[in-house]
Amino acid sequence: MQMNEQTIVPEADPEANIPAAKKAYTFSQLNLALFYVFYVIVSLIVVHFLPDNPSEAVEYLAHYIPMYLVAFPLYLLISRPLETAPPEKQHMSIFQIIKAFFVCEFIGITGNLLGMLVNAILSFIVGTNTSSNFLIGGVFGESSLLFIFLAVICAPVVEEFLFRKILIDRIRKYGNTAAILISGIMFGLFHGNFTQAFYAAMLGMLFAFIYVRTGRIQYTIALHMCVNFWGTAMPYLTLRNHDINELISALTSLNPDRILTMINTMKPFLIMVACTYLFAFIGMILLIVYRKHLTVPAAIAPLPQNKRFTTACCNIGFFALLAVCIYQFIRQFSALL
């Protein structure tokens, strides 16, 4: 997604803004890295006290409670001292939110295809499947309702505050485009696997763009909830009476009779898939039609054009955040091998 910042004449020398910008970028990104470190430490402590062979529900709670109820409040606490510059508040109509959802579906499918391509290449190189089945296992596992509740209600609220409200409010002063890119890319990398990284990054940029344009985090939370509902609750509702392993086996068997029989029992799911691609097609058209409207406000304290990247990314906060993201990828990739 290409965005153009509206141009204004800066009142001060952009060079003079670099020290404050470096501080904002460094500590904002370092705080996100610390959030992940807090989460890992607390979750390891919790896991240490779990019984042998805990249930799937207990494993989910051991993962999400340290993140949402411990690491997230600590992140809010350490982020408070940083100066904020929230975007100006603007209204979105229901019609605009629906159009944004269609764009989300297009971006989600496009990013998912990119992830599948990268996983196919990696699988060919390493000789084993590198795709993450985290979502499939969660939606169709023994604690699917708990997983869906966490994915549809809890995750959008926490993640939108983490990667949009708290982060963007503290760095957008020095460039909205940079804030959108950092928010989206780090959101994608935080997922820790190539199956989700591309569509999460692209959706993260869209959510960041909407937040920068409206200043209302409730819009991105609502869209995030809708996207997660469509991607988790809808497959569950349309396939809950089927054995997912049997479905996968039938669809990969190359047996026409078996595939046809299975397809006849999957009509609600196939209708949902057809609607998804219809929404995505509409979203693609909307992006083309409204591409000239993808502009963001100019920086409050602009930086020299040739120093924007180094100011935002050549600091200890960025490297710390990148390190925890790489750790996430290595940890999940190792588990698949």
C-alpha atoms as a PDB file:
ATOM      1  CA  MET A   1       0.000   0.000   0.000  1.00  0.00           C
ATOM      2  CA  GLN A   2       1.486   3.302  -1.072  1.00  0.00           C
ATOM      3  CA  MET A   3       0.719   6.386   0.986  1.00  0.00           C
ATOM      4  CA  ASN A   4       1.581   9.987   0.355  1.00  0.00           C
ATOM      5  CA  GLU A   5       1.963  12.470   3.170  1.00  0.00           C
ATOM      6  CA  GLN A   6       0.257  15.795   2.676  1.00  0.00           C
ATOM      7  CA  THR A   7       2.883  18.474   2.270  1.00  0.00           C
ATOM      8  CA  ILE A   8       3.229  21.466   4.566  1.00  0.00           C
ATOM      9  CA  VAL A   9       6.041  23.909   5.071  1.00  0.00           C
ATOM     10  CA  PRO A  10       7.955  22.929   8.226  1.00  0.00           C
ATOM     11  CA  GLU A  11       8.354  25.654  10.805  1.00  0.00           C
ATOM     12  CA  ALA A  12      11.706  24.432  12.129  1.00  0.00           C
ATOM     13  CA  ASP A  13      14.886  22.871  10.783  1.00  0.00           C
ATOM     14  CA  PRO A  14      14.203  19.100  10.381  1.00  0.00           C
ATOM     15  CA  GLU A  15      17.724  18.366  11.660  1.00  0.00           C
ATOM     16  CA  ALA A  16      16.739  19.781  15.042  1.00  0.00           C
ATOM     17  CA  ASN A  17      14.021  17.117  15.389  1.00  0.00           C
ATOM     18  CA  ILE A  18      16.397  14.149  15.114  1.00  0.00           C
ATOM     19  CA  PRO A  19      17.410  13.812  18.823  1.00  0.00           C
ATOM     20  CA  ALA A  20      13.791  13.777  20.035  1.00  0.00           C
ATOM     21  CA  ALA A  21      12.799  11.438  17.212  1.00  0.00           C
ATOM     22  CA  LYS A  22      15.583   8.985  18.055  1.00  0.00           C
ATOM     23  CA  LYS A  23      14.429   8.914  21.670  1.00  0.00           C
ATOM     24  CA  ALA A  24      10.807   8.318  20.667  1.00  0.00           C
ATOM     25  CA  TYR A  25      11.641   5.542  18.188  1.00  0.00           C
ATOM     26  CA  THR A  26      14.175   3.905  20.499  1.00  0.00           C
ATOM     27  CA  PHE A  27      12.030   3.685  23.611  1.00  0.00           C
ATOM     28  CA  SER A  28       8.759   2.905  21.802  1.00  0.00           C
ATOM     29  CA  GLN A  29      10.312  -0.086  20.048  1.00  0.00           C
ATOM     30  CA  LEU A  30      12.330  -1.121  23.097  1.00  0.00           C
ATOM     31  CA  ASN A  31       9.129  -1.158  25.159  1.00  0.00           C
ATOM     32  CA  LEU A  32       7.544  -3.566  22.686  1.00  0.00           C
ATOM     33  CA  ALA A  33      10.589  -5.821  22.963  1.00  0.00           C
ATOM     34  CA  LEU A  34      10.347  -5.648  26.762  1.00  0.00           C
ATOM     35  CA  PHE A  35       6.664  -6.558  26.521  1.00  0.00           C
ATOM     36  CA  TYR A  36       7.647  -9.787  24.791  1.00  0.00           C
ATOM     37  CA  VAL A  37      10.423 -10.474  27.320  1.00  0.00           C
ATOM     38  CA  PHE A  38       7.952  -9.941  30.199  1.00  0.00           C
ATOM     39  CA  TYR A  39       5.546 -12.346  28.554  1.00  0.00           C
ATOM     40  CA  VAL A  40       8.165 -15.061  27.962  1.00  0.00           C
ATOM     41  CA  ILE A  41       9.491 -14.891  31.524  1.00  0.00           C
ATOM     42  CA  VAL A  42       6.047 -15.043  33.140  1.00  0.00           C
ATOM     43  CA  SER A  43       4.793 -17.779  30.813  1.00  0.00           C
ATOM     44  CA  LEU A  44       7.871 -19.914  31.563  1.00  0.00           C
ATOM     45  CA  ILE A  45       7.168 -19.529  35.273  1.00  0.00           C
ATOM     46  CA  VAL A  46       3.514 -20.485  34.765  1.00  0.00           C
ATOM     47  CA  VAL A  47       4.388 -23.482  32.584  1.00  0.00           C
ATOM     48  CA  HIS A  48       6.825 -24.677  35.255  1.00  0.00           C
ATOM     49  CA  PHE A  49       3.932 -25.141  37.689  1.00  0.00           C
ATOM     50  CA  LEU A  50       1.569 -26.825  35.237  1.00  0.00           C
ATOM     51  CA  PRO A  51       0.786 -30.517  35.698  1.00  0.00           C
ATOM     52  CA  ASP A  52       2.093 -33.068  33.222  1.00  0.00           C
ATOM     53  CA  ASN A  53       0.086 -33.284  29.995  1.00  0.00           C
ATOM     54  CA  PRO A  54      -2.190 -30.294  30.664  1.00  0.00           C
ATOM     55  CA  SER A  55      -5.394 -29.870  28.695  1.00  0.00           C
ATOM     56  CA  GLU A  56      -5.478 -27.687  25.606  1.00  0.00           C
ATOM     57  CA  ALA A  57      -7.530 -25.078  27.491  1.00  0.00           C
ATOM     58  CA  VAL A  58      -4.936 -24.884  30.250  1.00  0.00           C
ATOM     59  CA  GLU A  59      -2.171 -24.476  27.659  1.00  0.00           C
ATOM     60  CA  TYR A  60      -4.057 -21.598  26.014  1.00  0.00           C
ATOM     61  CA  LEU A  61      -4.590 -19.870  29.341  1.00  0.00           C
ATOM     62  CA  ALA A  62      -0.933 -20.409  30.295  1.00  0.00           C
ATOM     63  CA  HIS A  63      -0.022 -18.655  27.039  1.00  0.00           C
ATOM     64  CA  TYR A  64      -2.504 -15.786  27.015  1.00  0.00           C
ATOM     65  CA  ILE A  65      -2.909 -14.853  30.687  1.00  0.00           C
ATOM     66  CA  PRO A  66       0.779 -13.864  31.095  1.00  0.00           C
ATOM     67  CA  MET A  67       0.533 -11.861  27.872  1.00  0.00           C
ATOM     68  CA  TYR A  68      -2.743 -10.066  28.497  1.00  0.00           C
ATOM     69  CA  LEU A  69      -2.861  -9.731  32.289  1.00  0.00           C
ATOM     70  CA  VAL A  70       0.833  -9.289  33.149  1.00  0.00           C
ATOM     71  CA  ALA A  71       3.001  -8.226  30.197  1.00  0.00           C
ATOM     72  CA  PHE A  72       0.406  -5.885  28.673  1.00  0.00           C
ATOM     73  CA  PRO A  73      -0.199  -3.837  31.864  1.00  0.00           C
ATOM     74  CA  LEU A  74       3.565  -3.591  32.378  1.00  0.00           C
ATOM     75  CA  TYR A  75       3.930  -2.387  28.795  1.00  0.00           C
ATOM     76  CA  LEU A  76       1.316   0.306  29.411  1.00  0.00           C
ATOM     77  CA  LEU A  77       3.169   1.369  32.549  1.00  0.00           C
ATOM     78  CA  ILE A  78       6.608   1.732  30.958  1.00  0.00           C
ATOM     79  CA  SER A  79       5.110   3.513  27.917  1.00  0.00           C
ATOM     80  CA  ARG A  80       3.386   6.254  29.930  1.00  0.00           C
ATOM     81  CA  PRO A  81       6.428   8.574  30.296  1.00  0.00           C
ATOM     82  CA  LEU A  82       6.860   8.900  26.517  1.00  0.00           C
ATOM     83  CA  GLU A  83       5.375  11.965  24.846  1.00  0.00           C
ATOM     84  CA  THR A  84       2.236  11.295  22.811  1.00  0.00           C
ATOM     85  CA  ALA A  85       0.718  12.972  19.763  1.00  0.00           C
ATOM     86  CA  PRO A  86      -2.609  11.235  19.024  1.00  0.00           C
ATOM     87  CA  PRO A  87      -4.115  11.746  15.558  1.00  0.00           C
ATOM     88  CA  GLU A  88      -6.972  14.160  15.115  1.00  0.00           C
ATOM     89  CA  LYS A  89     -10.313  12.379  15.616  1.00  0.00           C
ATOM     90  CA  GLN A  90     -12.440  11.795  12.528  1.00  0.00           C
ATOM     91  CA  HIS A  91     -15.670   9.872  12.025  1.00  0.00           C
ATOM     92  CA  MET A  92     -16.143   6.708   9.946  1.00  0.00           C
ATOM     93  CA  SER A  93     -19.618   5.760   8.762  1.00  0.00           C
ATOM     94  CA  ILE A  94     -20.916   2.196   8.865  1.00  0.00           C
ATOM     95  CA  PHE A  95     -20.662   2.136   5.066  1.00  0.00           C
ATOM     96  CA  GLN A  96     -16.975   3.119   5.256  1.00  0.00           C
ATOM     97  CA  ILE A  97     -16.309   0.416   7.862  1.00  0.00           C
ATOM     98  CA  ILE A  98     -17.939  -2.202   5.619  1.00  0.00           C
ATOM     99  CA  LYS A  99     -15.792  -1.069   2.679  1.00  0.00           C
ATOM    100  CA  ALA A 100     -12.721  -1.252   4.920  1.00  0.00           C
ATOM    101  CA  PHE A 101     -13.666  -4.841   5.831  1.00  0.00           C
ATOM    102  CA  PHE A 102     -13.781  -5.773   2.136  1.00  0.00           C
ATOM    103  CA  VAL A 103     -10.302  -4.294   1.715  1.00  0.00           C
ATOM    104  CA  CYS A 104      -9.174  -6.300   4.742  1.00  0.00           C
ATOM    105  CA  GLU A 105     -10.342  -9.504   3.046  1.00  0.00           C
ATOM    106  CA  PHE A 106      -8.452  -8.668  -0.138  1.00  0.00           C
ATOM    107  CA  ILE A 107      -5.289  -7.862   1.800  1.00  0.00           C
ATOM    108  CA  GLY A 108      -5.709 -10.966   3.949  1.00  0.00           C
ATOM    109  CA  ILE A 109      -6.018 -13.308   0.964  1.00  0.00           C
ATOM    110  CA  THR A 110      -3.121 -11.646  -0.848  1.00  0.00           C
ATOM    111  CA  GLY A 111      -0.895 -11.889   2.217  1.00  0.00           C
ATOM    112  CA  ASN A 112      -1.960 -15.480   2.818  1.00  0.00           C
ATOM    113  CA  LEU A 113      -0.981 -16.432  -0.746  1.00  0.00           C
ATOM    114  CA  LEU A 114       2.427 -14.812  -0.212  1.00  0.00           C
ATOM    115  CA  GLY A 115       2.837 -16.806   2.993  1.00  0.00           C
ATOM    116  CA  MET A 116       1.899 -20.039   1.223  1.00  0.00           C
ATOM    117  CA  LEU A 117       4.443 -19.296  -1.511  1.00  0.00           C
ATOM    118  CA  VAL A 118       7.238 -18.628   0.980  1.00  0.00           C
ATOM    119  CA  ASN A 119       6.347 -21.752   2.961  1.00  0.00           C
ATOM    120  CA  ALA A 120       6.350 -23.819  -0.239  1.00  0.00           C
ATOM    121  CA  ILE A 121       9.841 -22.558  -1.078  1.00  0.00           C
ATOM    122  CA  LEU A 122      11.073 -23.209   2.478  1.00  0.00           C
ATOM    123  CA  SER A 123       9.491 -26.661   2.523  1.00  0.00           C
ATOM    124  CA  PHE A 124      11.283 -27.514  -0.718  1.00  0.00           C
ATOM    125  CA  ILE A 125      14.614 -26.291   0.703  1.00  0.00           C
ATOM    126  CA  VAL A 126      14.422 -27.993   4.124  1.00  0.00           C
ATOM    127  CA  GLY A 127      12.506 -31.059   2.960  1.00  0.00           C
ATOM    128  CA  THR A 128       9.617 -30.792   5.412  1.00  0.00           C
ATOM    129  CA  ASN A 129       6.387 -28.837   5.780  1.00  0.00           C
ATOM    130  CA  THR A 130       7.048 -25.409   7.322  1.00  0.00           C
ATOM    131  CA  SER A 131       3.441 -24.160   7.382  1.00  0.00           C
ATOM    132  CA  SER A 132       2.033 -23.363  10.815  1.00  0.00           C
ATOM    133  CA  ASN A 133      -1.216 -25.191  11.673  1.00  0.00           C
ATOM    134  CA  PHE A 134      -1.772 -23.018  14.764  1.00  0.00           C
ATOM    135  CA  LEU A 135      -5.078 -21.566  13.506  1.00  0.00           C
ATOM    136  CA  ILE A 136      -6.456 -24.879  12.225  1.00  0.00           C
ATOM    137  CA  GLY A 137      -5.503 -26.612  15.454  1.00  0.00           C
ATOM    138  CA  GLY A 138      -7.080 -23.839  17.504  1.00  0.00           C
ATOM    139  CA  VAL A 139     -10.335 -23.577  15.557  1.00  0.00           C
ATOM    140  CA  PHE A 140     -10.916 -27.342  15.395  1.00  0.00           C
ATOM    141  CA  GLY A 141      -9.192 -28.412  18.617  1.00  0.00           C
ATOM    142  CA  GLU A 142     -10.775 -29.617  21.831  1.00  0.00           C
ATOM    143  CA  SER A 143     -10.945 -26.047  23.190  1.00  0.00           C
ATOM    144  CA  SER A 144     -12.106 -24.358  20.011  1.00  0.00           C
ATOM    145  CA  LEU A 145     -14.636 -22.063  21.698  1.00  0.00           C
ATOM    146  CA  LEU A 146     -12.017 -20.737  24.109  1.00  0.00           C
ATOM    147  CA  PHE A 147      -9.582 -20.224  21.223  1.00  0.00           C
ATOM    148  CA  ILE A 148     -12.209 -18.359  19.183  1.00  0.00           C
ATOM    149  CA  PHE A 149     -13.101 -16.156  22.170  1.00  0.00           C
ATOM    150  CA  LEU A 150      -9.443 -15.248  22.642  1.00  0.00           C
ATOM    151  CA  ALA A 151      -8.941 -14.647  18.908  1.00  0.00           C
ATOM    152  CA  VAL A 152     -12.101 -12.633  18.296  1.00  0.00           C
ATOM    153  CA  ILE A 153     -12.457 -10.642  21.534  1.00  0.00           C
ATOM    154  CA  CYS A 154      -9.190 -10.506  23.495  1.00  0.00           C
ATOM    155  CA  ALA A 155      -6.499 -10.437  20.797  1.00  0.00           C
ATOM    156  CA  PRO A 156      -7.933  -7.514  18.775  1.00  0.00           C
ATOM    157  CA  VAL A 157      -8.231  -5.284  21.838  1.00  0.00           C
ATOM    158  CA  VAL A 158      -4.734  -5.953  23.172  1.00  0.00           C
ATOM    159  CA  GLU A 159      -2.998  -5.996  19.779  1.00  0.00           C
ATOM    160  CA  GLU A 160      -4.626  -2.795  18.575  1.00  0.00           C
ATOM    161  CA  PHE A 161      -3.512  -0.965  21.707  1.00  0.00           C
ATOM    162  CA  LEU A 162      -0.026  -2.479  21.461  1.00  0.00           C
ATOM    163  CA  PHE A 163       0.702  -1.886  17.789  1.00  0.00           C
ATOM    164  CA  ARG A 164      -1.596   0.990  16.971  1.00  0.00           C
ATOM    165  CA  LYS A 165      -2.693   3.234  19.861  1.00  0.00           C
ATOM    166  CA  ILE A 166       0.368   3.085  22.137  1.00  0.00           C
ATOM    167  CA  LEU A 167       3.067   2.739  19.470  1.00  0.00           C
ATOM    168  CA  ILE A 168       1.713   5.133  16.847  1.00  0.00           C
ATOM    169  CA  ASP A 169       0.810   7.884  19.318  1.00  0.00           C
ATOM    170  CA  ARG A 170       4.464   7.997  20.356  1.00  0.00           C
ATOM    171  CA  ILE A 171       6.174   7.990  16.954  1.00  0.00           C
ATOM    172  CA  ARG A 172       3.750   9.500  14.409  1.00  0.00           C
ATOM    173  CA  LYS A 173       4.887  13.015  15.292  1.00  0.00           C
ATOM    174  CA  TYR A 174       7.985  12.367  13.169  1.00  0.00           C
ATOM    175  CA  GLY A 175       6.194  10.837  10.196  1.00  0.00           C
ATOM    176  CA  ASN A 176       2.862   9.066   9.791  1.00  0.00           C
ATOM    177  CA  THR A 177       4.055   6.894   6.913  1.00  0.00           C
ATOM    178  CA  ALA A 178       6.983   5.611   8.986  1.00  0.00           C
ATOM    179  CA  ALA A 179       4.646   4.939  11.916  1.00  0.00           C
ATOM    180  CA  ILE A 180       2.275   2.964   9.670  1.00  0.00           C
ATOM    181  CA  LEU A 181       5.095   0.872   8.195  1.00  0.00           C
ATOM    182  CA  ILE A 182       6.699   0.143  11.580  1.00  0.00           C
ATOM    183  CA  SER A 183       3.335  -0.717  13.147  1.00  0.00           C
ATOM    184  CA  GLY A 184       2.405  -3.114  10.354  1.00  0.00           C
ATOM    185  CA  ILE A 185       5.761  -4.800   9.835  1.00  0.00           C
ATOM    186  CA  MET A 186       6.345  -5.394  13.532  1.00  0.00           C
ATOM    187  CA  PHE A 187       2.795  -6.684  13.931  1.00  0.00           C
ATOM    188  CA  GLY A 188       3.479  -9.223  11.196  1.00  0.00           C
ATOM    189  CA  LEU A 189       6.859 -10.244  12.566  1.00  0.00           C
ATOM    190  CA  PHE A 190       5.448 -10.673  16.066  1.00  0.00           C
ATOM    191  CA  HIS A 191       3.337 -13.583  14.801  1.00  0.00           C
ATOM    192  CA  GLY A 192       6.598 -15.494  14.409  1.00  0.00           C
ATOM    193  CA  ASN A 193       5.764 -17.598  11.344  1.00  0.00           C
ATOM    194  CA  PHE A 194       5.540 -17.118   7.583  1.00  0.00           C
ATOM    195  CA  THR A 195       1.988 -18.505   7.468  1.00  0.00           C
ATOM    196  CA  GLN A 196       0.661 -15.424   9.279  1.00  0.00           C
ATOM    197  CA  ALA A 197       3.448 -12.860   8.924  1.00  0.00           C
ATOM    198  CA  PHE A 198       2.576 -11.445   5.492  1.00  0.00           C
ATOM    199  CA  TYR A 199      -1.161 -10.992   5.882  1.00  0.00           C
ATOM    200  CA  ALA A 200      -0.731  -9.790   9.474  1.00  0.00           C
ATOM    201  CA  ALA A 201       1.808  -7.170   8.359  1.00  0.00           C
ATOM    202  CA  MET A 202      -0.398  -5.977   5.511  1.00  0.00           C
ATOM    203  CA  LEU A 203      -3.509  -5.857   7.688  1.00  0.00           C
ATOM    204  CA  GLY A 204      -1.474  -4.118  10.387  1.00  0.00           C
ATOM    205  CA  MET A 205      -0.561  -1.380   7.920  1.00  0.00           C
ATOM    206  CA  LEU A 206      -4.204  -0.960   6.931  1.00  0.00           C
ATOM    207  CA  PHE A 207      -5.301  -0.762  10.576  1.00  0.00           C
ATOM    208  CA  ALA A 208      -2.494   1.731  11.255  1.00  0.00           C
ATOM    209  CA  PHE A 209      -3.574   3.828   8.254  1.00  0.00           C
ATOM    210  CA  ILE A 210      -7.173   3.883   9.504  1.00  0.00           C
ATOM    211  CA  TYR A 211      -6.050   4.834  13.013  1.00  0.00           C
ATOM    212  CA  VAL A 212      -3.825   7.639  11.701  1.00  0.00           C
ATOM    213  CA  ARG A 213      -6.678   8.971   9.569  1.00  0.00           C
ATOM    214  CA  THR A 214      -9.407   8.696  12.247  1.00  0.00           C
ATOM    215  CA  GLY A 215      -7.631   8.807  15.610  1.00  0.00           C
ATOM    216  CA  ARG A 216     -10.190   6.294  16.919  1.00  0.00           C
ATOM    217  CA  ILE A 217      -8.836   2.945  18.043  1.00  0.00           C
ATOM    218  CA  GLN A 218     -12.369   1.524  18.297  1.00  0.00           C
ATOM    219  CA  TYR A 219     -12.588   1.397  14.505  1.00  0.00           C
ATOM    220  CA  THR A 220      -9.481  -0.750  14.127  1.00  0.00           C
ATOM    221  CA  ILE A 221     -10.520  -2.957  17.058  1.00  0.00           C
ATOM    222  CA  ALA A 222     -13.920  -3.519  15.412  1.00  0.00           C
ATOM    223  CA  LEU A 223     -12.337  -4.318  12.033  1.00  0.00           C
ATOM    224  CA  HIS A 224      -9.775  -6.604  13.675  1.00  0.00           C
ATOM    225  CA  MET A 225     -12.601  -8.430  15.474  1.00  0.00           C
ATOM    226  CA  CYS A 226     -14.547  -8.825  12.220  1.00  0.00           C
ATOM    227  CA  VAL A 227     -11.511 -10.186  10.367  1.00  0.00           C
ATOM    228  CA  ASN A 228     -10.712 -12.657  13.142  1.00  0.00           C
ATOM    229  CA  PHE A 229     -14.372 -13.688  13.447  1.00  0.00           C
ATOM    230  CA  TRP A 230     -14.589 -14.390   9.730  1.00  0.00           C
ATOM    231  CA  GLY A 231     -11.313 -16.312   9.775  1.00  0.00           C
ATOM    232  CA  THR A 232     -11.937 -18.399  12.912  1.00  0.00           C
ATOM    233  CA  ALA A 233     -15.584 -18.486  14.012  1.00  0.00           C
ATOM    234  CA  MET A 234     -17.049 -18.879  10.507  1.00  0.00           C
ATOM    235  CA  PRO A 235     -14.953 -21.963   9.594  1.00  0.00           C
ATOM    236  CA  TYR A 236     -15.889 -23.439  12.983  1.00  0.00           C
ATOM    237  CA  LEU A 237     -19.607 -22.765  12.506  1.00  0.00           C
ATOM    238  CA  THR A 238     -19.664 -24.164   8.965  1.00  0.00           C
ATOM    239  CA  LEU A 239     -17.469 -27.211   9.651  1.00  0.00           C
ATOM    240  CA  ARG A 240     -18.152 -28.010  13.300  1.00  0.00           C
ATOM    241  CA  ASN A 241     -19.994 -31.232  12.427  1.00  0.00           C
ATOM    242  CA  HIS A 242     -17.129 -32.544  10.296  1.00  0.00           C
ATOM    243  CA  ASP A 243     -13.892 -34.310  11.121  1.00  0.00           C
ATOM    244  CA  ILE A 244     -11.293 -31.823   9.875  1.00  0.00           C
ATOM    245  CA  ASN A 245      -8.630 -34.524   9.474  1.00  0.00           C
ATOM    246  CA  GLU A 246     -11.039 -36.566   7.367  1.00  0.00           C
ATOM    247  CA  LEU A 247     -11.774 -33.508   5.236  1.00  0.00           C
ATOM    248  CA  ILE A 248      -8.089 -32.843   4.625  1.00  0.00           C
ATOM    249  CA  SER A 249      -7.486 -36.518   3.829  1.00  0.00           C
ATOM    250  CA  ALA A 250     -10.372 -36.574   1.347  1.00  0.00           C
ATOM    251  CA  LEU A 251      -9.338 -33.381  -0.409  1.00  0.00           C
ATOM    252  CA  THR A 252      -5.750 -34.615  -0.792  1.00  0.00           C
ATOM    253  CA  SER A 253      -6.669 -38.178  -1.803  1.00  0.00           C
ATOM    254  CA  LEU A 254      -7.195 -37.312  -5.504  1.00  0.00           C
ATOM    255  CA  ASN A 255     -10.153 -39.726  -5.404  1.00  0.00           C
ATOM    256  CA  PRO A 256     -12.957 -37.984  -7.401  1.00  0.00           C
ATOM    257  CA  ASP A 257     -15.831 -39.887  -5.762  1.00  0.00           C
ATOM    258  CA  ARG A 258     -14.524 -39.271  -2.265  1.00  0.00           C
ATOM    259  CA  ILE A 259     -13.876 -35.593  -2.977  1.00  0.00           C
ATOM    260  CA  LEU A 260     -17.359 -35.117  -4.516  1.00  0.00           C
ATOM    261  CA  THR A 261     -19.028 -36.780  -1.544  1.00  0.00           C
ATOM    262  CA  MET A 262     -17.109 -34.585   0.853  1.00  0.00           C
ATOM    263  CA  ILE A 263     -17.872 -31.415  -1.123  1.00  0.00           C
ATOM    264  CA  ASN A 264     -21.609 -32.159  -0.993  1.00  0.00           C
ATOM    265  CA  THR A 265     -21.452 -32.115   2.810  1.00  0.00           C
ATOM    266  CA  MET A 266     -19.463 -28.868   2.911  1.00  0.00           C
ATOM    267  CA  LYS A 267     -21.922 -26.508   1.204  1.00  0.00           C
ATOM    268  CA  PRO A 268     -22.116 -23.958   4.069  1.00  0.00           C
ATOM    269  CA  PHE A 269     -18.332 -23.775   4.225  1.00  0.00           C
ATOM    270  CA  LEU A 270     -18.016 -23.454   0.447  1.00  0.00           C
ATOM    271  CA  ILE A 271     -20.572 -20.620   0.472  1.00  0.00           C
ATOM    272  CA  MET A 272     -18.490 -18.889   3.129  1.00  0.00           C
ATOM    273  CA  VAL A 273     -15.340 -19.322   1.010  1.00  0.00           C
ATOM    274  CA  ALA A 274     -17.164 -17.952  -2.040  1.00  0.00           C
ATOM    275  CA  CYS A 275     -18.290 -14.932  -0.011  1.00  0.00           C
ATOM    276  CA  THR A 276     -14.704 -14.409   1.164  1.00  0.00           C
ATOM    277  CA  TYR A 277     -13.410 -14.231  -2.400  1.00  0.00           C
ATOM    278  CA  LEU A 278     -16.313 -11.992  -3.404  1.00  0.00           C
ATOM    279  CA  PHE A 279     -15.484  -9.635  -0.537  1.00  0.00           C
ATOM    280  CA  ALA A 280     -11.819  -9.728  -1.555  1.00  0.00           C
ATOM    281  CA  PHE A 281     -12.674  -8.889  -5.156  1.00  0.00           C
ATOM    282  CA  ILE A 282     -14.784  -5.941  -4.021  1.00  0.00           C
ATOM    283  CA  GLY A 283     -11.911  -4.875  -1.742  1.00  0.00           C
ATOM    284  CA  MET A 284      -9.466  -4.957  -4.661  1.00  0.00           C
ATOM    285  CA  ILE A 285     -11.789  -2.750  -6.737  1.00  0.00           C
ATOM    286  CA  LEU A 286     -12.184  -0.333  -3.822  1.00  0.00           C
ATOM    287  CA  LEU A 287      -8.412  -0.058  -3.429  1.00  0.00           C
ATOM    288  CA  ILE A 288      -8.041   0.755  -7.114  1.00  0.00           C
ATOM    289  CA  VAL A 289     -10.872   3.294  -7.092  1.00  0.00           C
ATOM    290  CA  TYR A 290      -9.771   5.049  -3.891  1.00  0.00           C
ATOM    291  CA  ARG A 291      -5.997   4.757  -4.354  1.00  0.00           C
ATOM    292  CA  LYS A 292      -5.603   8.533  -4.670  1.00  0.00           C
ATOM    293  CA  HIS A 293      -7.227   8.960  -1.258  1.00  0.00           C
ATOM    294  CA  LEU A 294      -4.482   6.988   0.511  1.00  0.00           C
ATOM    295  CA  THR A 295      -2.875  10.071   2.029  1.00  0.00           C
ATOM    296  CA  VAL A 296      -1.866  10.771   5.601  1.00  0.00           C
ATOM    297  CA  PRO A 297      -1.231  14.038   7.479  1.00  0.00           C
ATOM    298  CA  ALA A 298       2.248  15.502   7.280  1.00  0.00           C
ATOM    299  CA  ALA A 299       4.679  15.018  10.150  1.00  0.00           C
ATOM    300  CA  ILE A 300       4.313  17.414  13.063  1.00  0.00           C
ATOM    301  CA  ALA A 301       8.083  17.446  13.476  1.00  0.00           C
ATOM    302  CA  PRO A 302       9.486  16.329  10.100  1.00  0.00           C
ATOM    303  CA  LEU A 303      12.870  14.699   9.711  1.00  0.00           C
ATOM    304  CA  PRO A 304      15.390  15.174   6.884  1.00  0.00           C
ATOM    305  CA  GLN A 305      14.384  12.832   4.082  1.00  0.00           C
ATOM    306  CA  ASN A 306      17.806  11.153   3.929  1.00  0.00           C
ATOM    307  CA  LYS A 307      17.800  10.434   7.693  1.00  0.00           C
ATOM    308  CA  ARG A 308      14.290   9.099   8.263  1.00  0.00           C
ATOM    309  CA  PHE A 309      15.207   5.419   7.963  1.00  0.00           C
ATOM    310  CA  THR A 310      18.352   5.598  10.086  1.00  0.00           C
ATOM    311  CA  THR A 311      16.562   7.602  12.787  1.00  0.00           C
ATOM    312  CA  ALA A 312      13.678   5.130  12.973  1.00  0.00           C
ATOM    313  CA  CYS A 313      15.593   1.866  12.581  1.00  0.00           C
ATOM    314  CA  CYS A 314      19.243   2.339  13.544  1.00  0.00           C
ATOM    315  CA  ASN A 315      18.751   2.300  17.299  1.00  0.00           C
ATOM    316  CA  ILE A 316      18.851  -0.180  20.152  1.00  0.00           C
ATOM    317  CA  GLY A 317      15.069  -0.308  20.411  1.00  0.00           C
ATOM    318  CA  PHE A 318      14.605  -1.430  16.822  1.00  0.00           C
ATOM    319  CA  PHE A 319      17.381  -4.024  17.085  1.00  0.00           C
ATOM    320  CA  ALA A 320      15.948  -5.379  20.354  1.00  0.00           C
ATOM    321  CA  LEU A 321      12.495  -5.640  18.804  1.00  0.00           C
ATOM    322  CA  LEU A 322      13.896  -7.295  15.695  1.00  0.00           C
ATOM    323  CA  ALA A 323      15.814  -9.750  17.879  1.00  0.00           C
ATOM    324  CA  VAL A 324      12.701 -10.934  19.747  1.00  0.00           C
ATOM    325  CA  CYS A 325      10.845 -11.297  16.437  1.00  0.00           C
ATOM    326  CA  ILE A 326      13.666 -13.406  15.000  1.00  0.00           C
ATOM    327  CA  TYR A 327      13.616 -15.483  18.189  1.00  0.00           C
ATOM    328  CA  GLN A 328       9.885 -16.039  17.655  1.00  0.00           C
ATOM    329  CA  PHE A 329      10.489 -17.251  14.104  1.00  0.00           C
ATOM    330  CA  ILE A 330      13.341 -19.554  15.136  1.00  0.00           C
ATOM    331  CA  ARG A 331      11.322 -21.026  18.011  1.00  0.00           C
ATOM    332  CA  GLN A 332       8.249 -21.762  15.897  1.00  0.00           C
ATOM    333  CA  PHE A 333      10.279 -22.882  12.874  1.00  0.00           C
ATOM    334  CA  SER A 334      12.278 -25.300  15.033  1.00  0.00           C
ATOM    335  CA  ALA A 335       9.052 -26.784  16.387  1.00  0.00           C
ATOM    336  CA  LEU A 336       7.926 -27.610  12.846  1.00  0.00           C
ATOM    337  CA  LEU A 337      11.129 -29.433  11.865  1.00  0.00           C
END
